[in-house]
């Protein structure tokens, strides 16, 4: 596993790019596996930036922005899927026959 903070961010960026690709093809199992790997790396990040040079801070900013861009792409694909799952798990209440006739009359 990478050890320097920048190498951790680089690996997270590579994984988030793969996550976006998995989301585009609706490969939810791969997406889930990659998300777990990102979480492990995120938990390994040190607190604070005191060890980073100015150039590393700039590189970190670029990498985080790329990760956020990938996250937005992933959400564009997962949120509609999640809505369909919620609709499936929470169907609308059944209407009475009288209410159904009233709805057709409109």
PDB file of N, CA and C in Angstrom:
ATOM      1  N   UNK A   1       0.852  -1.171   0.000  1.00  0.00           N
ATOM      2  CA  UNK A   1       0.000   0.000   0.000  1.00  0.00           C
ATOM      3  C   UNK A   1       0.901   1.237   0.000  1.00  0.00           C
ATOM      4  N   UNK A   2       0.489   2.293  -0.763  1.00  0.00           N
ATOM      5  CA  UNK A   2       1.283   3.524  -0.774  1.00  0.00           C
ATOM      6  C   UNK A   2       1.402   4.097   0.635  1.00  0.00           C
ATOM      7  N   UNK A   3       2.528   4.786   0.886  1.00  0.00           N
ATOM      8  CA  UNK A   3       2.733   5.300   2.236  1.00  0.00           C
ATOM      9  C   UNK A   3       2.745   6.813   2.325  1.00  0.00           C
ATOM     10  N   UNK A   4       3.230   7.524   1.312  1.00  0.00           N
ATOM     11  CA  UNK A   4       3.236   8.980   1.407  1.00  0.00           C
ATOM     12  C   UNK A   4       1.827   9.503   1.155  1.00  0.00           C
ATOM     13  N   UNK A   5       1.476  10.645   1.761  1.00  0.00           N
ATOM     14  CA  UNK A   5       0.130  11.185   1.547  1.00  0.00           C
ATOM     15  C   UNK A   5      -0.195  11.375   0.065  1.00  0.00           C
ATOM     16  N   UNK A   6       0.752  11.889  -0.706  1.00  0.00           N
ATOM     17  CA  UNK A   6       0.486  12.119  -2.129  1.00  0.00           C
ATOM     18  C   UNK A   6       0.258  10.804  -2.859  1.00  0.00           C
ATOM     19  N   UNK A   7       1.029   9.775  -2.527  1.00  0.00           N
ATOM     20  CA  UNK A   7       0.815   8.481  -3.187  1.00  0.00           C
ATOM     21  C   UNK A   7      -0.541   7.891  -2.801  1.00  0.00           C
ATOM     22  N   UNK A   8      -0.996   8.151  -1.585  1.00  0.00           N
ATOM     23  CA  UNK A   8      -2.338   7.710  -1.187  1.00  0.00           C
ATOM     24  C   UNK A   8      -3.396   8.419  -2.027  1.00  0.00           C
ATOM     25  N   UNK A   9      -3.261   9.731  -2.189  1.00  0.00           N
ATOM     26  CA  UNK A   9      -4.213  10.485  -3.011  1.00  0.00           C
ATOM     27  C   UNK A   9      -4.163  10.037  -4.472  1.00  0.00           C
ATOM     28  N   UNK A  10      -2.965   9.755  -4.982  1.00  0.00           N
ATOM     29  CA  UNK A  10      -2.845   9.278  -6.360  1.00  0.00           C
ATOM     30  C   UNK A  10      -3.559   7.946  -6.540  1.00  0.00           C
ATOM     31  N   UNK A  11      -3.385   7.055  -5.584  1.00  0.00           N
ATOM     32  CA  UNK A  11      -4.062   5.754  -5.659  1.00  0.00           C
ATOM     33  C   UNK A  11      -5.575   5.926  -5.528  1.00  0.00           C
ATOM     34  N   UNK A  12      -6.023   6.796  -4.634  1.00  0.00           N
ATOM     35  CA  UNK A  12      -7.459   7.065  -4.501  1.00  0.00           C
ATOM     36  C   UNK A  12      -8.014   7.638  -5.800  1.00  0.00           C
ATOM     37  N   UNK A  13      -7.253   8.508  -6.449  1.00  0.00           N
ATOM     38  CA  UNK A  13      -7.674   9.087  -7.718  1.00  0.00           C
ATOM     39  C   UNK A  13      -7.810   8.004  -8.786  1.00  0.00           C
ATOM     40  N   UNK A  14      -6.842   7.107  -8.858  1.00  0.00           N
ATOM     41  CA  UNK A  14      -6.904   6.013  -9.832  1.00  0.00           C
ATOM     42  C   UNK A  14      -8.122   5.125  -9.571  1.00  0.00           C
ATOM     43  N   UNK A  15      -8.372   4.826  -8.309  1.00  0.00           N
ATOM     44  CA  UNK A  15      -9.526   3.994  -7.962  1.00  0.00           C
ATOM     45  C   UNK A  15     -10.836   4.713  -8.253  1.00  0.00           C
ATOM     46  N   UNK A  16     -10.898   6.011  -7.981  1.00  0.00           N
ATOM     47  CA  UNK A  16     -12.145   6.741  -8.235  1.00  0.00           C
ATOM     48  C   UNK A  16     -12.437   6.809  -9.730  1.00  0.00           C
ATOM     49  N   UNK A  17     -11.401   6.874 -10.543  1.00  0.00           N
ATOM     50  CA  UNK A  17     -11.590   6.835 -11.994  1.00  0.00           C
ATOM     51  C   UNK A  17     -12.173   5.486 -12.419  1.00  0.00           C
ATOM     52  N   UNK A  18     -11.667   4.423 -11.836  1.00  0.00           N
ATOM     53  CA  UNK A  18     -12.206   3.083 -12.115  1.00  0.00           C
ATOM     54  C   UNK A  18     -13.637   2.955 -11.598  1.00  0.00           C
ATOM     55  N   UNK A  19     -13.931   3.592 -10.469  1.00  0.00           N
ATOM     56  CA  UNK A  19     -15.293   3.574  -9.933  1.00  0.00           C
ATOM     57  C   UNK A  19     -16.253   4.253 -10.904  1.00  0.00           C
ATOM     58  N   UNK A  20     -15.849   5.393 -11.466  1.00  0.00           N
ATOM     59  CA  UNK A  20     -16.700   6.100 -12.426  1.00  0.00           C
ATOM     60  C   UNK A  20     -16.954   5.223 -13.650  1.00  0.00           C
ATOM     61  N   UNK A  21     -15.919   4.539 -14.116  1.00  0.00           N
ATOM     62  CA  UNK A  21     -16.082   3.637 -15.258  1.00  0.00           C
ATOM     63  C   UNK A  21     -17.049   2.501 -14.915  1.00  0.00           C
ATOM     64  N   UNK A  22     -16.937   1.951 -13.724  1.00  0.00           N
ATOM     65  CA  UNK A  22     -17.844   0.880 -13.294  1.00  0.00           C
ATOM     66  C   UNK A  22     -19.277   1.392 -13.203  1.00  0.00           C
ATOM     67  N   UNK A  23     -19.460   2.600 -12.707  1.00  0.00           N
ATOM     68  CA  UNK A  23     -20.804   3.173 -12.600  1.00  0.00           C
ATOM     69  C   UNK A  23     -21.413   3.386 -13.981  1.00  0.00           C
ATOM     70  N   UNK A  24     -20.604   3.820 -14.940  1.00  0.00           N
ATOM     71  CA  UNK A  24     -21.116   4.055 -16.295  1.00  0.00           C
ATOM     72  C   UNK A  24     -21.683   2.780 -16.906  1.00  0.00           C
ATOM     73  N   UNK A  25     -21.078   1.638 -16.600  1.00  0.00           N
ATOM     74  CA  UNK A  25     -21.581   0.377 -17.163  1.00  0.00           C
ATOM     75  C   UNK A  25     -22.458  -0.383 -16.166  1.00  0.00           C
ATOM     76  N   UNK A  26     -22.794   0.269 -15.076  1.00  0.00           N
ATOM     77  CA  UNK A  26     -23.663  -0.285 -14.033  1.00  0.00           C
ATOM     78  C   UNK A  26     -23.114  -1.588 -13.455  1.00  0.00           C
ATOM     79  N   UNK A  27     -21.824  -1.612 -13.243  1.00  0.00           N
ATOM     80  CA  UNK A  27     -21.158  -2.760 -12.611  1.00  0.00           C
ATOM     81  C   UNK A  27     -21.064  -2.462 -11.116  1.00  0.00           C
ATOM     82  N   UNK A  28     -22.178  -2.707 -10.425  1.00  0.00           N
ATOM     83  CA  UNK A  28     -22.300  -2.292  -9.021  1.00  0.00           C
ATOM     84  C   UNK A  28     -21.364  -3.074  -8.109  1.00  0.00           C
ATOM     85  N   UNK A  29     -21.108  -4.332  -8.408  1.00  0.00           N
ATOM     86  CA  UNK A  29     -20.207  -5.124  -7.558  1.00  0.00           C
ATOM     87  C   UNK A  29     -18.784  -4.572  -7.607  1.00  0.00           C
ATOM     88  N   UNK A  30     -18.318  -4.249  -8.805  1.00  0.00           N
ATOM     89  CA  UNK A  30     -16.978  -3.658  -8.927  1.00  0.00           C
ATOM     90  C   UNK A  30     -16.938  -2.307  -8.236  1.00  0.00           C
ATOM     91  N   UNK A  31     -17.980  -1.520  -8.423  1.00  0.00           N
ATOM     92  CA  UNK A  31     -18.049  -0.207  -7.780  1.00  0.00           C
ATOM     93  C   UNK A  31     -17.949  -0.346  -6.264  1.00  0.00           C
ATOM     94  N   UNK A  32     -18.676  -1.299  -5.718  1.00  0.00           N
ATOM     95  CA  UNK A  32     -18.658  -1.529  -4.267  1.00  0.00           C
ATOM     96  C   UNK A  32     -17.271  -1.962  -3.790  1.00  0.00           C
ATOM     97  N   UNK A  33     -16.634  -2.855  -4.534  1.00  0.00           N
ATOM     98  CA  UNK A  33     -15.299  -3.332  -4.167  1.00  0.00           C
ATOM     99  C   UNK A  33     -14.289  -2.180  -4.198  1.00  0.00           C
ATOM    100  N   UNK A  34     -14.354  -1.366  -5.245  1.00  0.00           N
ATOM    101  CA  UNK A  34     -13.435  -0.232  -5.359  1.00  0.00           C
ATOM    102  C   UNK A  34     -13.686   0.796  -4.259  1.00  0.00           C
ATOM    103  N   UNK A  35     -14.948   1.011  -3.911  1.00  0.00           N
ATOM    104  CA  UNK A  35     -15.277   1.964  -2.841  1.00  0.00           C
ATOM    105  C   UNK A  35     -14.666   1.512  -1.516  1.00  0.00           C
ATOM    106  N   UNK A  36     -14.672   0.214  -1.275  1.00  0.00           N
ATOM    107  CA  UNK A  36     -14.039  -0.301  -0.052  1.00  0.00           C
ATOM    108  C   UNK A  36     -12.539  -0.023  -0.057  1.00  0.00           C
ATOM    109  N   UNK A  37     -11.918  -0.195  -1.211  1.00  0.00           N
ATOM    110  CA  UNK A  37     -10.477   0.066  -1.322  1.00  0.00           C
ATOM    111  C   UNK A  37     -10.167   1.539  -1.084  1.00  0.00           C
ATOM    112  N   UNK A  38     -11.010   2.417  -1.614  1.00  0.00           N
ATOM    113  CA  UNK A  38     -10.823   3.856  -1.391  1.00  0.00           C
ATOM    114  C   UNK A  38     -10.960   4.171   0.096  1.00  0.00           C
ATOM    115  N   UNK A  39     -11.918   3.542   0.761  1.00  0.00           N
ATOM    116  CA  UNK A  39     -12.122   3.793   2.191  1.00  0.00           C
ATOM    117  C   UNK A  39     -10.888   3.391   3.000  1.00  0.00           C
ATOM    118  N   UNK A  40     -10.268   2.283   2.634  1.00  0.00           N
ATOM    119  CA  UNK A  40      -9.047   1.851   3.332  1.00  0.00           C
ATOM    120  C   UNK A  40      -7.956   2.903   3.164  1.00  0.00           C
ATOM    121  N   UNK A  41      -7.787   3.390   1.944  1.00  0.00           N
ATOM    122  CA  UNK A  41      -6.769   4.417   1.694  1.00  0.00           C
ATOM    123  C   UNK A  41      -7.098   5.712   2.434  1.00  0.00           C
ATOM    124  N   UNK A  42      -8.374   6.099   2.398  1.00  0.00           N
ATOM    125  CA  UNK A  42      -8.795   7.328   3.086  1.00  0.00           C
ATOM    126  C   UNK A  42      -8.497   7.234   4.578  1.00  0.00           C
ATOM    127  N   UNK A  43      -8.736   6.085   5.160  1.00  0.00           N
ATOM    128  CA  UNK A  43      -8.470   5.907   6.588  1.00  0.00           C
ATOM    129  C   UNK A  43      -6.980   5.912   6.904  1.00  0.00           C
ATOM    130  N   UNK A  44      -6.151   5.655   5.899  1.00  0.00           N
ATOM    131  CA  UNK A  44      -4.699   5.659   6.098  1.00  0.00           C
ATOM    132  C   UNK A  44      -4.093   7.053   5.955  1.00  0.00           C
ATOM    133  N   UNK A  45      -4.897   8.029   5.502  1.00  0.00           N
ATOM    134  CA  UNK A  45      -4.366   9.389   5.331  1.00  0.00           C
ATOM    135  C   UNK A  45      -3.992   9.986   6.682  1.00  0.00           C
ATOM    136  N   UNK A  46      -2.857  10.665   6.743  1.00  0.00           N
ATOM    137  CA  UNK A  46      -2.472  11.317   8.005  1.00  0.00           C
ATOM    138  C   UNK A  46      -3.321  12.562   8.241  1.00  0.00           C
ATOM    139  N   UNK A  47      -3.436  12.950   9.493  1.00  0.00           N
ATOM    140  CA  UNK A  47      -4.135  14.188   9.832  1.00  0.00           C
ATOM    141  C   UNK A  47      -3.233  15.368   9.504  1.00  0.00           C
ATOM    142  N   UNK A  48      -3.807  16.394   8.900  1.00  0.00           N
ATOM    143  CA  UNK A  48      -3.045  17.620   8.645  1.00  0.00           C
ATOM    144  C   UNK A  48      -2.147  17.539   7.430  1.00  0.00           C
ATOM    145  N   UNK A  49      -1.647  18.706   7.042  1.00  0.00           N
ATOM    146  CA  UNK A  49      -0.801  18.824   5.859  1.00  0.00           C
ATOM    147  C   UNK A  49       0.582  19.354   6.187  1.00  0.00           C
ATOM    148  N   UNK A  50       0.987  19.307   7.429  1.00  0.00           N
ATOM    149  CA  UNK A  50       2.239  19.945   7.835  1.00  0.00           C
ATOM    150  C   UNK A  50       3.463  19.350   7.145  1.00  0.00           C
ATOM    151  N   UNK A  51       3.375  18.091   6.709  1.00  0.00           N
ATOM    152  CA  UNK A  51       4.521  17.437   6.077  1.00  0.00           C
ATOM    153  C   UNK A  51       4.645  17.768   4.595  1.00  0.00           C
ATOM    154  N   UNK A  52       3.609  18.353   3.996  1.00  0.00           N
ATOM    155  CA  UNK A  52       3.590  18.552   2.554  1.00  0.00           C
ATOM    156  C   UNK A  52       4.248  19.863   2.141  1.00  0.00           C
ATOM    157  N   UNK A  53       4.972  19.794   1.031  1.00  0.00           N
ATOM    158  CA  UNK A  53       5.551  21.010   0.456  1.00  0.00           C
ATOM    159  C   UNK A  53       4.451  21.771  -0.282  1.00  0.00           C
ATOM    160  N   UNK A  54       4.750  22.974  -0.707  1.00  0.00           N
ATOM    161  CA  UNK A  54       3.773  23.767  -1.460  1.00  0.00           C
ATOM    162  C   UNK A  54       3.368  23.047  -2.748  1.00  0.00           C
ATOM    163  N   UNK A  55       4.340  22.464  -3.435  1.00  0.00           N
ATOM    164  CA  UNK A  55       4.043  21.724  -4.668  1.00  0.00           C
ATOM    165  C   UNK A  55       3.149  20.514  -4.377  1.00  0.00           C
ATOM    166  N   UNK A  56       3.410  19.830  -3.272  1.00  0.00           N
ATOM    167  CA  UNK A  56       2.578  18.675  -2.902  1.00  0.00           C
ATOM    168  C   UNK A  56       1.167  19.110  -2.532  1.00  0.00           C
ATOM    169  N   UNK A  57       1.043  20.255  -1.865  1.00  0.00           N
ATOM    170  CA  UNK A  57      -0.291  20.772  -1.540  1.00  0.00           C
ATOM    171  C   UNK A  57      -1.076  21.066  -2.812  1.00  0.00           C
ATOM    172  N   UNK A  58      -0.410  21.639  -3.801  1.00  0.00           N
ATOM    173  CA  UNK A  58      -1.080  21.912  -5.070  1.00  0.00           C
ATOM    174  C   UNK A  58      -1.475  20.610  -5.760  1.00  0.00           C
ATOM    175  N   UNK A  59      -0.589  19.642  -5.736  1.00  0.00           N
ATOM    176  CA  UNK A  59      -0.885  18.337  -6.331  1.00  0.00           C
ATOM    177  C   UNK A  59      -2.050  17.670  -5.602  1.00  0.00           C
ATOM    178  N   UNK A  60      -2.062  17.778  -4.286  1.00  0.00           N
ATOM    179  CA  UNK A  60      -3.156  17.220  -3.486  1.00  0.00           C
ATOM    180  C   UNK A  60      -4.476  17.865  -3.894  1.00  0.00           C
ATOM    181  N   UNK A  61      -4.474  19.183  -4.079  1.00  0.00           N
ATOM    182  CA  UNK A  61      -5.689  19.897  -4.471  1.00  0.00           C
ATOM    183  C   UNK A  61      -6.200  19.400  -5.819  1.00  0.00           C
ATOM    184  N   UNK A  62      -5.300  19.224  -6.773  1.00  0.00           N
ATOM    185  CA  UNK A  62      -5.684  18.724  -8.098  1.00  0.00           C
ATOM    186  C   UNK A  62      -6.268  17.316  -7.985  1.00  0.00           C
ATOM    187  N   UNK A  63      -5.625  16.465  -7.217  1.00  0.00           N
ATOM    188  CA  UNK A  63      -6.099  15.088  -7.061  1.00  0.00           C
ATOM    189  C   UNK A  63      -7.468  15.040  -6.393  1.00  0.00           C
ATOM    190  N   UNK A  64      -7.662  15.848  -5.362  1.00  0.00           N
ATOM    191  CA  UNK A  64      -8.963  15.869  -4.682  1.00  0.00           C
ATOM    192  C   UNK A  64     -10.044  16.364  -5.636  1.00  0.00           C
ATOM    193  N   UNK A  65      -9.743  17.361  -6.458  1.00  0.00           N
ATOM    194  CA  UNK A  65     -10.735  17.854  -7.416  1.00  0.00           C
ATOM    195  C   UNK A  65     -11.109  16.765  -8.415  1.00  0.00           C
ATOM    196  N   UNK A  66     -10.128  16.004  -8.867  1.00  0.00           N
ATOM    197  CA  UNK A  66     -10.417  14.893  -9.787  1.00  0.00           C
ATOM    198  C   UNK A  66     -11.290  13.838  -9.112  1.00  0.00           C
ATOM    199  N   UNK A  67     -10.986  13.549  -7.859  1.00  0.00           N
ATOM    200  CA  UNK A  67     -11.789  12.579  -7.106  1.00  0.00           C
ATOM    201  C   UNK A  67     -13.219  13.085  -6.964  1.00  0.00           C
ATOM    202  N   UNK A  68     -13.384  14.370  -6.683  1.00  0.00           N
ATOM    203  CA  UNK A  68     -14.727  14.953  -6.570  1.00  0.00           C
ATOM    204  C   UNK A  68     -15.456  14.929  -7.910  1.00  0.00           C
ATOM    205  N   UNK A  69     -14.743  15.175  -8.998  1.00  0.00           N
ATOM    206  CA  UNK A  69     -15.358  15.089 -10.329  1.00  0.00           C
ATOM    207  C   UNK A  69     -15.829  13.666 -10.608  1.00  0.00           C
ATOM    208  N   UNK A  70     -15.004  12.683 -10.257  1.00  0.00           N
ATOM    209  CA  UNK A  70     -15.410  11.283 -10.417  1.00  0.00           C
ATOM    210  C   UNK A  70     -16.620  10.970  -9.546  1.00  0.00           C
ATOM    211  N   UNK A  71     -16.637  11.502  -8.330  1.00  0.00           N
ATOM    212  CA  UNK A  71     -17.762  11.277  -7.427  1.00  0.00           C
ATOM    213  C   UNK A  71     -19.055  11.810  -8.037  1.00  0.00           C
ATOM    214  N   UNK A  72     -18.992  12.985  -8.650  1.00  0.00           N
ATOM    215  CA  UNK A  72     -20.184  13.544  -9.301  1.00  0.00           C
ATOM    216  C   UNK A  72     -20.641  12.639 -10.445  1.00  0.00           C
ATOM    217  N   UNK A  73     -19.694  12.119 -11.212  1.00  0.00           N
ATOM    218  CA  UNK A  73     -20.021  11.197 -12.305  1.00  0.00           C
ATOM    219  C   UNK A  73     -20.666   9.924 -11.751  1.00  0.00           C
ATOM    220  N   UNK A  74     -20.126   9.399 -10.690  1.00  0.00           N
ATOM    221  CA  UNK A  74     -20.676   8.189 -10.071  1.00  0.00           C
ATOM    222  C   UNK A  74     -22.103   8.448  -9.603  1.00  0.00           C
ATOM    223  N   UNK A  75     -22.332   9.573  -8.973  1.00  0.00           N
ATOM    224  CA  UNK A  75     -23.675   9.904  -8.488  1.00  0.00           C
ATOM    225  C   UNK A  75     -24.675  10.037  -9.631  1.00  0.00           C
ATOM    226  N   UNK A  76     -24.244  10.563 -10.774  1.00  0.00           N
ATOM    227  CA  UNK A  76     -25.148  10.681 -11.927  1.00  0.00           C
ATOM    228  C   UNK A  76     -25.657   9.313 -12.364  1.00  0.00           C
ATOM    229  N   UNK A  77     -24.892   8.286 -12.104  1.00  0.00           N
ATOM    230  CA  UNK A  77     -25.299   6.936 -12.507  1.00  0.00           C
ATOM    231  C   UNK A  77     -25.967   6.160 -11.373  1.00  0.00           C
ATOM    232  N   UNK A  78     -25.560   6.412 -10.139  1.00  0.00           N
ATOM    233  CA  UNK A  78     -26.112   5.616  -9.035  1.00  0.00           C
ATOM    234  C   UNK A  78     -27.428   6.168  -8.502  1.00  0.00           C
ATOM    235  N   UNK A  79     -27.617   7.482  -8.534  1.00  0.00           N
ATOM    236  CA  UNK A  79     -28.836   8.046  -7.949  1.00  0.00           C
ATOM    237  C   UNK A  79     -30.105   7.591  -8.667  1.00  0.00           C
ATOM    238  N   UNK A  80     -30.151   7.562 -10.015  1.00  0.00           N
ATOM    239  CA  UNK A  80     -31.359   7.027 -10.658  1.00  0.00           C
ATOM    240  C   UNK A  80     -31.605   5.563 -10.295  1.00  0.00           C
ATOM    241  N   UNK A  81     -30.530   4.784 -10.200  1.00  0.00           N
ATOM    242  CA  UNK A  81     -30.669   3.386  -9.822  1.00  0.00           C
ATOM    243  C   UNK A  81     -31.233   3.277  -8.408  1.00  0.00           C
ATOM    244  N   UNK A  82     -30.716   4.100  -7.496  1.00  0.00           N
ATOM    245  CA  UNK A  82     -31.201   4.081  -6.111  1.00  0.00           C
ATOM    246  C   UNK A  82     -32.674   4.484  -6.046  1.00  0.00           C
ATOM    247  N   UNK A  83     -33.084   5.450  -6.864  1.00  0.00           N
ATOM    248  CA  UNK A  83     -34.493   5.847  -6.888  1.00  0.00           C
ATOM    249  C   UNK A  83     -35.370   4.687  -7.339  1.00  0.00           C
ATOM    250  N   UNK A  84     -34.924   3.941  -8.354  1.00  0.00           N
ATOM    251  CA  UNK A  84     -35.705   2.787  -8.812  1.00  0.00           C
ATOM    252  C   UNK A  84     -35.802   1.728  -7.713  1.00  0.00           C
ATOM    253  N   UNK A  85     -34.718   1.506  -6.994  1.00  0.00           N
ATOM    254  CA  UNK A  85     -34.737   0.541  -5.889  1.00  0.00           C
ATOM    255  C   UNK A  85     -35.720   1.007  -4.816  1.00  0.00           C
ATOM    256  N   UNK A  86     -35.669   2.288  -4.465  1.00  0.00           N
ATOM    257  CA  UNK A  86     -36.589   2.822  -3.451  1.00  0.00           C
ATOM    258  C   UNK A  86     -38.035   2.693  -3.908  1.00  0.00           C
ATOM    259  N   UNK A  87     -38.294   2.996  -5.191  1.00  0.00           N
ATOM    260  CA  UNK A  87     -39.655   2.854  -5.713  1.00  0.00           C
ATOM    261  C   UNK A  87     -40.113   1.402  -5.636  1.00  0.00           C
ATOM    262  N   UNK A  88     -39.208   0.480  -5.925  1.00  0.00           N
ATOM    263  CA  UNK A  88     -39.544  -0.933  -5.864  1.00  0.00           C
ATOM    264  C   UNK A  88     -39.835  -1.365  -4.430  1.00  0.00           C
ATOM    265  N   UNK A  89     -39.019  -0.894  -3.492  1.00  0.00           N
ATOM    266  CA  UNK A  89     -39.180  -1.292  -2.093  1.00  0.00           C
ATOM    267  C   UNK A  89     -40.331  -0.571  -1.400  1.00  0.00           C
ATOM    268  N   UNK A  90     -40.728   0.575  -1.921  1.00  0.00           N
ATOM    269  CA  UNK A  90     -41.802   1.370  -1.321  1.00  0.00           C
ATOM    270  C   UNK A  90     -42.848   1.710  -2.374  1.00  0.00           C
ATOM    271  N   UNK A  91     -43.633   0.724  -2.804  1.00  0.00           N
ATOM    272  CA  UNK A  91     -44.631   1.010  -3.839  1.00  0.00           C
ATOM    273  C   UNK A  91     -45.688   1.973  -3.298  1.00  0.00           C
ATOM    274  N   UNK A  92     -46.342   2.706  -4.206  1.00  0.00           N
ATOM    275  CA  UNK A  92     -47.389   3.619  -3.739  1.00  0.00           C
ATOM    276  C   UNK A  92     -48.535   2.822  -3.118  1.00  0.00           C
ATOM    277  N   UNK A  93     -49.246   3.430  -2.186  1.00  0.00           N
ATOM    278  CA  UNK A  93     -50.358   2.705  -1.559  1.00  0.00           C
ATOM    279  C   UNK A  93     -51.422   2.366  -2.602  1.00  0.00           C
ATOM    280  N   UNK A  94     -52.043   1.230  -2.409  1.00  0.00           N
ATOM    281  CA  UNK A  94     -53.108   0.810  -3.331  1.00  0.00           C
ATOM    282  C   UNK A  94     -54.339   1.652  -3.087  1.00  0.00           C
ATOM    283  N   UNK A  95     -54.967   2.018  -4.171  1.00  0.00           N
ATOM    284  CA  UNK A  95     -56.193   2.813  -4.047  1.00  0.00           C
ATOM    285  C   UNK A  95     -57.401   1.878  -4.070  1.00  0.00           C
ATOM    286  N   UNK A  96     -58.448   2.327  -3.438  1.00  0.00           N
ATOM    287  CA  UNK A  96     -59.683   1.540  -3.440  1.00  0.00           C
ATOM    288  C   UNK A  96     -60.283   1.556  -4.849  1.00  0.00           C
ATOM    289  N   UNK A  97     -61.196   0.636  -5.128  1.00  0.00           N
ATOM    290  CA  UNK A  97     -61.838   0.591  -6.440  1.00  0.00           C
ATOM    291  C   UNK A  97     -62.583   1.889  -6.711  1.00  0.00           C
ATOM    292  N   UNK A  98     -63.178   2.453  -5.676  1.00  0.00           N
ATOM    293  CA  UNK A  98     -63.888   3.725  -5.844  1.00  0.00           C
ATOM    294  C   UNK A  98     -62.908   4.828  -6.258  1.00  0.00           C
ATOM    295  N   UNK A  99     -61.763   4.885  -5.613  1.00  0.00           N
ATOM    296  CA  UNK A  99     -60.758   5.905  -5.948  1.00  0.00           C
ATOM    297  C   UNK A  99     -60.218   5.681  -7.358  1.00  0.00           C
ATOM    298  N   UNK A 100     -60.088   4.412  -7.775  1.00  0.00           N
ATOM    299  CA  UNK A 100     -59.621   4.132  -9.133  1.00  0.00           C
ATOM    300  C   UNK A 100     -60.635   4.614 -10.162  1.00  0.00           C
ATOM    301  N   UNK A 101     -61.948   4.391  -9.884  1.00  0.00           N
ATOM    302  CA  UNK A 101     -62.985   4.864 -10.808  1.00  0.00           C
ATOM    303  C   UNK A 101     -62.979   6.381 -10.881  1.00  0.00           C
ATOM    304  N   UNK A 102     -62.784   7.031  -9.742  1.00  0.00           N
ATOM    305  CA  UNK A 102     -62.744   8.494  -9.708  1.00  0.00           C
ATOM    306  C   UNK A 102     -61.558   9.008 -10.524  1.00  0.00           C
ATOM    307  N   UNK A 103     -60.430   8.343 -10.429  1.00  0.00           N
ATOM    308  CA  UNK A 103     -59.239   8.778 -11.159  1.00  0.00           C
ATOM    309  C   UNK A 103     -59.449   8.630 -12.662  1.00  0.00           C
ATOM    310  N   UNK A 104     -60.156   7.561 -13.087  1.00  0.00           N
ATOM    311  CA  UNK A 104     -60.425   7.372 -14.518  1.00  0.00           C
ATOM    312  C   UNK A 104     -61.431   8.384 -15.027  1.00  0.00           C
ATOM    313  N   UNK A 105     -62.304   8.841 -14.170  1.00  0.00           N
ATOM    314  CA  UNK A 105     -63.338   9.795 -14.577  1.00  0.00           C
ATOM    315  C   UNK A 105     -62.751  11.172 -14.861  1.00  0.00           C
ATOM    316  N   UNK A 106     -61.584  11.455 -14.343  1.00  0.00           N
ATOM    317  CA  UNK A 106     -60.980  12.785 -14.536  1.00  0.00           C
ATOM    318  C   UNK A 106     -60.356  12.954 -15.889  1.00  0.00           C
TER     319      UNK A 106
END
